[in-house]
Amino acid sequence: MMPAPKLIGLSLILLLGLPSLIAAIERRRIPDLFHFILGLAGLVWSWATGGIHGVVLSLSAGILVLVALTIAVAFTQRRWGRRILAGGELKLMTAAALWLTPPFAVATIVVVLLAAIIWMLRDRVSGRTSSRPDLAPFLITALLAAFAIA
């Protein structure tokens, strides 16, 4: 059985991530306010469950994810001429990382980046050029899974 604080955290992530999922399904732009609220709630959660140490870990996870994703986007743009992530997805992934510690944030981002790379390779092998995948549903799912096992 999962402890009550963990269930509350999962419920908050789902509630705060729901607008991102709906916007992805409807092919709409996710407002920056949702990213801000998700990130701020992650920091508040980290402070409530781990004090200042938890906030430092969350901030380090967010910075790590932002830097790693920026490098990944630059690499794929230079190597294959395609962007695997847009600015909104970078903001969403950075805000989501604030809910996790660095190891779980990295694991979550690896899963999402693998999904994007598999999408690109599928297009490359099939010879077609499709639009960039919307990774918000993958990210929210990976975030929920990582938070549940953390």
Protein backbone atom coordinates (compact mmCIF):
# COMPACT_ATOMS: atom_id res chain seq x y z
CA MET A 1 0.00 0.00 0.00
CA MET A 2 1.27 3.44 -0.93
CA PRO A 3 1.65 6.00 1.88
CA ALA A 4 -0.80 8.91 1.98
CA PRO A 5 1.75 11.67 1.19
CA LYS A 6 2.83 9.79 -1.95
CA LEU A 7 -0.82 9.47 -3.06
CA ILE A 8 -1.36 13.17 -2.47
CA GLY A 9 1.74 13.97 -4.54
CA LEU A 10 0.61 11.72 -7.38
CA SER A 11 -2.82 13.32 -7.32
CA LEU A 12 -1.29 16.80 -7.47
CA ILE A 13 0.94 15.87 -10.41
CA LEU A 14 -2.02 14.40 -12.25
CA LEU A 15 -4.21 17.42 -11.50
CA LEU A 16 -1.52 19.93 -12.49
CA GLY A 17 -0.43 17.89 -15.53
CA LEU A 18 -3.95 17.46 -16.86
CA PRO A 19 -4.02 20.81 -18.73
CA SER A 20 -0.83 19.77 -20.55
CA LEU A 21 -2.39 16.46 -21.55
CA ILE A 22 -5.59 18.12 -22.77
CA ALA A 23 -3.66 20.77 -24.70
CA ALA A 24 -1.55 18.03 -26.34
CA ILE A 25 -4.63 16.06 -27.36
CA GLU A 26 -6.30 19.16 -28.78
CA ARG A 27 -3.04 20.26 -30.47
CA ARG A 28 -2.97 23.56 -28.63
CA ARG A 29 -0.12 25.51 -27.13
CA ILE A 30 0.34 24.97 -23.40
CA PRO A 31 0.23 28.32 -21.56
CA ASP A 32 3.37 29.24 -19.64
CA LEU A 33 1.27 29.70 -16.51
CA PHE A 34 0.72 25.92 -16.32
CA HIS A 35 4.46 25.28 -16.50
CA PHE A 36 5.06 27.85 -13.77
CA ILE A 37 2.37 26.40 -11.49
CA LEU A 38 3.64 22.83 -12.02
CA GLY A 39 7.22 23.86 -11.23
CA LEU A 40 6.27 25.98 -8.23
CA ALA A 41 4.10 23.18 -6.84
CA GLY A 42 7.06 20.80 -7.25
CA LEU A 43 9.29 23.12 -5.22
CA VAL A 44 6.62 23.55 -2.53
CA TRP A 45 6.19 19.77 -2.42
CA SER A 46 9.95 19.31 -2.09
CA TRP A 47 10.10 21.83 0.73
CA ALA A 48 7.13 20.24 2.54
CA THR A 49 8.54 16.73 2.31
CA GLY A 50 12.29 17.36 2.50
CA GLY A 51 12.89 20.86 3.81
CA ILE A 52 15.65 22.98 2.31
CA HIS A 53 17.56 19.84 1.33
CA GLY A 54 14.59 18.71 -0.76
CA VAL A 55 14.38 22.10 -2.48
CA VAL A 56 18.10 22.02 -3.31
CA LEU A 57 17.73 18.53 -4.78
CA SER A 58 14.70 19.59 -6.83
CA LEU A 59 16.43 22.71 -8.13
CA SER A 60 19.50 20.69 -9.08
CA ALA A 61 17.26 18.21 -10.92
CA GLY A 62 15.57 21.06 -12.79
CA ILE A 63 18.87 22.64 -13.80
CA LEU A 64 20.31 19.27 -14.82
CA VAL A 65 17.30 18.52 -17.01
CA LEU A 66 17.30 21.96 -18.62
CA VAL A 67 21.00 21.72 -19.51
CA ALA A 68 20.75 18.09 -20.72
CA LEU A 69 17.72 18.81 -22.89
CA THR A 70 19.27 21.92 -24.37
CA ILE A 71 22.32 19.87 -25.37
CA ALA A 72 20.11 17.09 -26.79
CA VAL A 73 18.07 19.55 -28.84
CA ALA A 74 21.20 21.25 -30.17
CA PHE A 75 22.76 17.87 -31.05
CA THR A 76 19.73 16.54 -32.92
CA GLN A 77 19.26 19.85 -34.71
CA ARG A 78 22.88 19.83 -35.85
CA ARG A 79 23.14 16.10 -36.59
CA TRP A 80 19.78 15.35 -38.20
CA GLY A 81 18.45 18.82 -38.96
CA ARG A 82 15.35 18.27 -36.80
CA ARG A 83 14.28 19.60 -33.45
CA ILE A 84 13.03 16.89 -31.14
CA LEU A 85 11.58 19.33 -28.63
CA ALA A 86 9.93 22.72 -28.79
CA GLY A 87 10.25 25.45 -26.18
CA GLY A 88 7.01 24.51 -24.45
CA GLU A 89 8.16 20.94 -24.01
CA LEU A 90 11.49 22.11 -22.59
CA LYS A 91 9.62 24.24 -20.05
CA LEU A 92 7.24 21.40 -19.20
CA MET A 93 10.07 18.91 -18.69
CA THR A 94 12.05 21.33 -16.54
CA ALA A 95 8.97 22.07 -14.41
CA ALA A 96 8.25 18.34 -14.10
CA ALA A 97 11.82 17.67 -12.98
CA LEU A 98 11.27 19.91 -9.96
CA TRP A 99 9.07 17.15 -8.52
CA LEU A 100 11.91 14.62 -8.58
CA THR A 101 15.44 14.07 -7.31
CA PRO A 102 18.21 14.18 -9.93
CA PRO A 103 18.45 10.40 -10.57
CA PHE A 104 14.71 10.04 -11.14
CA ALA A 105 14.59 13.23 -13.21
CA VAL A 106 17.33 11.88 -15.48
CA ALA A 107 15.53 8.53 -15.81
CA THR A 108 12.29 10.31 -16.73
CA ILE A 109 13.99 12.46 -19.34
CA VAL A 110 15.83 9.49 -20.82
CA VAL A 111 12.51 7.70 -21.36
CA VAL A 112 10.97 10.74 -23.04
CA LEU A 113 14.03 11.41 -25.22
CA LEU A 114 14.09 7.76 -26.28
CA ALA A 115 10.46 8.09 -27.37
CA ALA A 116 11.38 11.15 -29.45
CA ILE A 117 14.43 9.50 -31.00
CA ILE A 118 12.47 6.35 -31.86
CA TRP A 119 9.89 8.59 -33.54
CA MET A 120 12.61 10.30 -35.59
CA LEU A 121 14.25 6.99 -36.54
CA ARG A 122 10.89 5.58 -37.61
CA ASP A 123 10.44 8.55 -39.93
CA ARG A 124 13.96 8.18 -41.25
CA VAL A 125 13.59 4.44 -42.00
CA SER A 126 10.16 4.82 -43.59
CA GLY A 127 11.31 7.78 -45.68
CA ARG A 128 8.48 10.03 -44.62
CA THR A 129 8.62 13.32 -42.81
CA SER A 130 6.01 13.62 -40.13
CA SER A 131 5.59 16.34 -37.60
CA ARG A 132 7.55 16.27 -34.39
CA PRO A 133 5.81 14.11 -31.78
CA ASP A 134 4.00 15.80 -28.94
CA LEU A 135 5.84 14.51 -25.89
CA ALA A 136 3.60 15.96 -23.16
CA PRO A 137 1.62 12.72 -22.66
CA PHE A 138 4.85 10.69 -22.51
CA LEU A 139 6.33 13.13 -20.02
CA ILE A 140 3.36 13.23 -17.66
CA THR A 141 3.15 9.41 -17.71
CA ALA A 142 6.89 9.06 -17.07
CA LEU A 143 6.73 11.67 -14.29
CA LEU A 144 3.89 9.82 -12.56
CA ALA A 145 5.77 6.52 -12.81
CA ALA A 146 9.05 7.99 -11.54
CA PHE A 147 7.32 9.78 -8.66
CA ALA A 148 5.48 6.59 -7.70
CA ILE A 149 8.65 4.50 -7.44
CA ALA A 150 10.86 7.25 -5.96
